[in-house]
Amino acid sequence: MGSSYVPHAAGYVDNGGPKLVTSRFGYEDSHTLARFEATGGYVGLKAALAKRPADVHGEVREATLLGRGGAGFPAGVKWGFCPEGVWPRYLVVNGDESEPGTYKDRLLMERDPHQLIEGSLIACYALGLSQCFLYVRGEMALAQERIATALNEAYAAGYVGR
């Protein structure tokens, strides 16, 4: 068997289709709080906080929002597995992305980390969780840097740590 060198993937490819998750990727400053807020970021969190947590959970369930993992499991159903009255309870966001040839998590963390933070905050609110742990692979240095910067920006703006 010979060696099989696979170069680093190019990353985001614009196929001209609708962009729900990647709508900010075309901006050079897509990873910043200023760009996120200028393009509708944290509006979803504000709307969620104006509702009862159970109503937010119900909306996610009814929307049949799918997880981004390989199975595409419905997020609202998965959230329903969180046991009531058991403490402590945490949200764990897995940014490991160990499936061969996949780069969705890395690209989201590098190019739009506030979107990940906003979604995590909405999930925490809907489930009554006060802590979230985000795992990022050690090899993803830029993703780690961008997530850390985004968390600091979100904290300074009052979105995180309230």
C-alpha atoms as a PDB file:
ATOM      1  CA  MET A   1       0.000   0.000   0.000  1.00  0.00           C
ATOM      2  CA  GLY A   2       1.316   3.414  -0.929  1.00  0.00           C
ATOM      3  CA  SER A   3       0.767   6.613   0.931  1.00  0.00           C
ATOM      4  CA  SER A   4      -2.394   8.606   0.290  1.00  0.00           C
ATOM      5  CA  TYR A   5      -1.808  12.291   0.856  1.00  0.00           C
ATOM      6  CA  VAL A   6      -5.020  14.274   1.121  1.00  0.00           C
ATOM      7  CA  PRO A   7      -4.487  18.041   1.107  1.00  0.00           C
ATOM      8  CA  HIS A   8      -6.408  20.295   3.468  1.00  0.00           C
ATOM      9  CA  ALA A   9      -9.931  20.808   2.184  1.00  0.00           C
ATOM     10  CA  ALA A  10     -10.650  24.135   0.557  1.00  0.00           C
ATOM     11  CA  GLY A  11     -13.565  24.742   2.926  1.00  0.00           C
ATOM     12  CA  TYR A  12     -16.722  26.610   2.006  1.00  0.00           C
ATOM     13  CA  VAL A  13     -17.952  26.227  -1.555  1.00  0.00           C
ATOM     14  CA  ASP A  14     -20.734  28.519  -2.761  1.00  0.00           C
ATOM     15  CA  ASN A  15     -23.094  26.414  -4.877  1.00  0.00           C
ATOM     16  CA  GLY A  16     -25.544  29.248  -5.456  1.00  0.00           C
ATOM     17  CA  GLY A  17     -28.315  27.619  -3.387  1.00  0.00           C
ATOM     18  CA  PRO A  18     -30.152  29.048  -0.362  1.00  0.00           C
ATOM     19  CA  LYS A  19     -27.852  29.899   2.525  1.00  0.00           C
ATOM     20  CA  LEU A  20     -29.462  29.404   5.906  1.00  0.00           C
ATOM     21  CA  VAL A  21     -26.466  28.421   8.006  1.00  0.00           C
ATOM     22  CA  THR A  22     -23.780  30.018   5.830  1.00  0.00           C
ATOM     23  CA  SER A  23     -25.409  33.363   4.975  1.00  0.00           C
ATOM     24  CA  ARG A  24     -22.611  35.389   6.616  1.00  0.00           C
ATOM     25  CA  PHE A  25     -19.705  33.344   5.213  1.00  0.00           C
ATOM     26  CA  GLY A  26     -19.158  35.753   2.325  1.00  0.00           C
ATOM     27  CA  TYR A  27     -18.229  38.617   4.650  1.00  0.00           C
ATOM     28  CA  GLU A  28     -14.569  39.007   5.583  1.00  0.00           C
ATOM     29  CA  ASP A  29     -15.594  39.926   9.152  1.00  0.00           C
ATOM     30  CA  SER A  30     -18.266  37.206   9.433  1.00  0.00           C
ATOM     31  CA  HIS A  31     -16.825  36.044  12.763  1.00  0.00           C
ATOM     32  CA  THR A  32     -17.329  39.378  14.555  1.00  0.00           C
ATOM     33  CA  LEU A  33     -20.138  40.498  16.824  1.00  0.00           C
ATOM     34  CA  ALA A  34     -20.612  43.647  14.737  1.00  0.00           C
ATOM     35  CA  ARG A  35     -21.295  41.635  11.564  1.00  0.00           C
ATOM     36  CA  PHE A  36     -23.481  39.127  13.416  1.00  0.00           C
ATOM     37  CA  GLU A  37     -25.701  41.842  14.876  1.00  0.00           C
ATOM     38  CA  ALA A  38     -25.772  43.776  11.571  1.00  0.00           C
ATOM     39  CA  THR A  39     -27.137  40.689   9.808  1.00  0.00           C
ATOM     40  CA  GLY A  40     -29.840  39.770  12.320  1.00  0.00           C
ATOM     41  CA  GLY A  41     -27.748  37.978  14.911  1.00  0.00           C
ATOM     42  CA  TYR A  42     -29.066  37.553  18.460  1.00  0.00           C
ATOM     43  CA  VAL A  43     -32.570  38.553  17.305  1.00  0.00           C
ATOM     44  CA  GLY A  44     -33.586  34.899  17.714  1.00  0.00           C
ATOM     45  CA  LEU A  45     -32.231  34.861  21.264  1.00  0.00           C
ATOM     46  CA  LYS A  46     -34.117  38.035  22.154  1.00  0.00           C
ATOM     47  CA  ALA A  47     -37.321  36.551  20.722  1.00  0.00           C
ATOM     48  CA  ALA A  48     -36.784  33.305  22.639  1.00  0.00           C
ATOM     49  CA  LEU A  49     -36.207  35.146  25.921  1.00  0.00           C
ATOM     50  CA  ALA A  50     -39.575  36.879  25.481  1.00  0.00           C
ATOM     51  CA  LYS A  51     -41.315  33.470  25.561  1.00  0.00           C
ATOM     52  CA  ARG A  52     -41.690  30.702  28.084  1.00  0.00           C
ATOM     53  CA  PRO A  53     -38.917  28.079  27.832  1.00  0.00           C
ATOM     54  CA  ALA A  54     -41.468  25.328  27.128  1.00  0.00           C
ATOM     55  CA  ASP A  55     -42.854  27.360  24.217  1.00  0.00           C
ATOM     56  CA  VAL A  56     -39.367  27.741  22.718  1.00  0.00           C
ATOM     57  CA  HIS A  57     -38.828  23.990  23.033  1.00  0.00           C
ATOM     58  CA  GLY A  58     -42.198  23.398  21.392  1.00  0.00           C
ATOM     59  CA  GLU A  59     -41.332  25.677  18.466  1.00  0.00           C
ATOM     60  CA  VAL A  60     -38.077  23.807  17.857  1.00  0.00           C
ATOM     61  CA  ARG A  61     -39.924  20.490  18.012  1.00  0.00           C
ATOM     62  CA  GLU A  62     -42.672  21.664  15.622  1.00  0.00           C
ATOM     63  CA  ALA A  63     -40.124  23.138  13.191  1.00  0.00           C
ATOM     64  CA  THR A  64     -38.506  19.702  12.896  1.00  0.00           C
ATOM     65  CA  LEU A  65     -35.109  21.369  13.169  1.00  0.00           C
ATOM     66  CA  LEU A  66     -32.543  18.666  12.482  1.00  0.00           C
ATOM     67  CA  GLY A  67     -29.197  18.172  14.176  1.00  0.00           C
ATOM     68  CA  ARG A  68     -26.088  18.622  12.055  1.00  0.00           C
ATOM     69  CA  GLY A  69     -24.578  15.259  12.993  1.00  0.00           C
ATOM     70  CA  GLY A  70     -24.543  12.292  10.664  1.00  0.00           C
ATOM     71  CA  ALA A  71     -27.970  11.019  11.739  1.00  0.00           C
ATOM     72  CA  GLY A  72     -29.823  14.322  11.290  1.00  0.00           C
ATOM     73  CA  PHE A  73     -31.794  13.644  14.487  1.00  0.00           C
ATOM     74  CA  PRO A  74     -34.598  16.141  15.278  1.00  0.00           C
ATOM     75  CA  ALA A  75     -33.298  18.677  17.815  1.00  0.00           C
ATOM     76  CA  GLY A  76     -36.654  19.144  19.555  1.00  0.00           C
ATOM     77  CA  VAL A  77     -36.935  15.397  20.178  1.00  0.00           C
ATOM     78  CA  LYS A  78     -33.364  15.231  21.459  1.00  0.00           C
ATOM     79  CA  TRP A  79     -34.031  18.146  23.804  1.00  0.00           C
ATOM     80  CA  GLY A  80     -36.949  16.145  25.216  1.00  0.00           C
ATOM     81  CA  PHE A  81     -34.497  13.524  26.496  1.00  0.00           C
ATOM     82  CA  CYS A  82     -33.155  15.992  29.075  1.00  0.00           C
ATOM     83  CA  PRO A  83     -34.564  14.703  32.385  1.00  0.00           C
ATOM     84  CA  GLU A  84     -36.676  17.018  34.518  1.00  0.00           C
ATOM     85  CA  GLY A  85     -35.617  17.724  38.087  1.00  0.00           C
ATOM     86  CA  VAL A  86     -32.173  16.143  37.743  1.00  0.00           C
ATOM     87  CA  TRP A  87     -29.240  18.396  38.598  1.00  0.00           C
ATOM     88  CA  PRO A  88     -26.735  19.345  37.493  1.00  0.00           C
ATOM     89  CA  ARG A  89     -27.698  19.492  33.818  1.00  0.00           C
ATOM     90  CA  TYR A  90     -25.455  20.908  31.121  1.00  0.00           C
ATOM     91  CA  LEU A  91     -25.506  21.530  27.411  1.00  0.00           C
ATOM     92  CA  VAL A  92     -22.533  19.933  25.680  1.00  0.00           C
ATOM     93  CA  VAL A  93     -21.720  21.182  22.185  1.00  0.00           C
ATOM     94  CA  ASN A  94     -19.508  18.745  20.322  1.00  0.00           C
ATOM     95  CA  GLY A  95     -17.227  20.502  17.846  1.00  0.00           C
ATOM     96  CA  ASP A  96     -15.012  17.437  17.416  1.00  0.00           C
ATOM     97  CA  GLU A  97     -16.025  16.684  13.843  1.00  0.00           C
ATOM     98  CA  SER A  98     -14.133  13.427  13.508  1.00  0.00           C
ATOM     99  CA  GLU A  99     -16.035  12.090  10.501  1.00  0.00           C
ATOM    100  CA  PRO A 100     -13.628  11.842   7.548  1.00  0.00           C
ATOM    101  CA  GLY A 101     -13.982  14.645   5.033  1.00  0.00           C
ATOM    102  CA  THR A 102     -16.421  16.788   7.011  1.00  0.00           C
ATOM    103  CA  TYR A 103     -15.753  20.431   7.784  1.00  0.00           C
ATOM    104  CA  LYS A 104     -19.140  21.873   8.683  1.00  0.00           C
ATOM    105  CA  ASP A 105     -18.367  22.361  12.387  1.00  0.00           C
ATOM    106  CA  ARG A 106     -14.934  23.855  11.765  1.00  0.00           C
ATOM    107  CA  LEU A 107     -16.288  26.285   9.180  1.00  0.00           C
ATOM    108  CA  LEU A 108     -19.155  27.386  11.410  1.00  0.00           C
ATOM    109  CA  MET A 109     -16.845  27.910  14.398  1.00  0.00           C
ATOM    110  CA  GLU A 110     -14.299  29.809  12.301  1.00  0.00           C
ATOM    111  CA  ARG A 111     -16.652  31.921  10.194  1.00  0.00           C
ATOM    112  CA  ASP A 112     -19.789  32.416  12.305  1.00  0.00           C
ATOM    113  CA  PRO A 113     -19.069  31.554  15.943  1.00  0.00           C
ATOM    114  CA  HIS A 114     -21.804  33.862  17.237  1.00  0.00           C
ATOM    115  CA  GLN A 115     -24.405  31.750  15.422  1.00  0.00           C
ATOM    116  CA  LEU A 116     -23.216  28.729  17.407  1.00  0.00           C
ATOM    117  CA  ILE A 117     -23.265  30.748  20.629  1.00  0.00           C
ATOM    118  CA  GLU A 118     -26.767  32.095  19.951  1.00  0.00           C
ATOM    119  CA  GLY A 119     -28.110  28.609  19.256  1.00  0.00           C
ATOM    120  CA  SER A 120     -26.474  27.284  22.414  1.00  0.00           C
ATOM    121  CA  LEU A 121     -27.994  30.081  24.504  1.00  0.00           C
ATOM    122  CA  ILE A 122     -31.451  29.404  23.060  1.00  0.00           C
ATOM    123  CA  ALA A 123     -31.097  25.687  23.837  1.00  0.00           C
ATOM    124  CA  CYS A 124     -29.947  26.444  27.385  1.00  0.00           C
ATOM    125  CA  TYR A 125     -32.893  28.769  27.932  1.00  0.00           C
ATOM    126  CA  ALA A 126     -35.439  26.329  26.514  1.00  0.00           C
ATOM    127  CA  LEU A 127     -34.129  23.502  28.702  1.00  0.00           C
ATOM    128  CA  GLY A 128     -33.469  25.512  31.873  1.00  0.00           C
ATOM    129  CA  LEU A 129     -29.712  24.948  31.755  1.00  0.00           C
ATOM    130  CA  SER A 130     -27.237  27.357  33.304  1.00  0.00           C
ATOM    131  CA  GLN A 131     -23.994  26.002  31.851  1.00  0.00           C
ATOM    132  CA  CYS A 132     -22.741  25.023  28.419  1.00  0.00           C
ATOM    133  CA  PHE A 133     -19.524  23.256  27.510  1.00  0.00           C
ATOM    134  CA  LEU A 134     -18.155  23.554  23.989  1.00  0.00           C
ATOM    135  CA  TYR A 135     -15.531  21.079  22.837  1.00  0.00           C
ATOM    136  CA  VAL A 136     -13.243  22.131  19.991  1.00  0.00           C
ATOM    137  CA  ARG A 137     -10.523  19.836  18.649  1.00  0.00           C
ATOM    138  CA  GLY A 138      -6.967  20.833  19.469  1.00  0.00           C
ATOM    139  CA  GLU A 139      -6.085  20.872  15.770  1.00  0.00           C
ATOM    140  CA  MET A 140      -8.651  23.599  15.115  1.00  0.00           C
ATOM    141  CA  ALA A 141      -6.574  26.547  16.338  1.00  0.00           C
ATOM    142  CA  LEU A 142      -8.458  29.198  14.359  1.00  0.00           C
ATOM    143  CA  ALA A 143     -11.819  27.817  15.524  1.00  0.00           C
ATOM    144  CA  GLN A 144     -10.614  27.920  19.144  1.00  0.00           C
ATOM    145  CA  GLU A 145      -9.431  31.504  18.726  1.00  0.00           C
ATOM    146  CA  ARG A 146     -12.638  32.653  17.049  1.00  0.00           C
ATOM    147  CA  ILE A 147     -14.891  30.938  19.604  1.00  0.00           C
ATOM    148  CA  ALA A 148     -12.914  32.468  22.495  1.00  0.00           C
ATOM    149  CA  THR A 149     -13.074  35.934  20.941  1.00  0.00           C
ATOM    150  CA  ALA A 150     -16.785  35.575  20.187  1.00  0.00           C
ATOM    151  CA  LEU A 151     -17.523  34.452  23.742  1.00  0.00           C
ATOM    152  CA  ASN A 152     -15.678  37.490  25.088  1.00  0.00           C
ATOM    153  CA  GLU A 153     -17.610  39.768  22.716  1.00  0.00           C
ATOM    154  CA  ALA A 154     -20.919  38.145  23.680  1.00  0.00           C
ATOM    155  CA  TYR A 155     -20.077  38.483  27.372  1.00  0.00           C
ATOM    156  CA  ALA A 156     -19.144  42.165  26.995  1.00  0.00           C
ATOM    157  CA  ALA A 157     -22.414  42.780  25.118  1.00  0.00           C
ATOM    158  CA  GLY A 158     -24.454  41.062  27.848  1.00  0.00           C
ATOM    159  CA  TYR A 159     -25.571  38.018  25.859  1.00  0.00           C
ATOM    160  CA  VAL A 160     -23.513  35.535  27.885  1.00  0.00           C
ATOM    161  CA  GLY A 161     -23.107  35.412  31.651  1.00  0.00           C
ATOM    162  CA  ARG A 162     -26.409  36.870  32.742  1.00  0.00           C
END
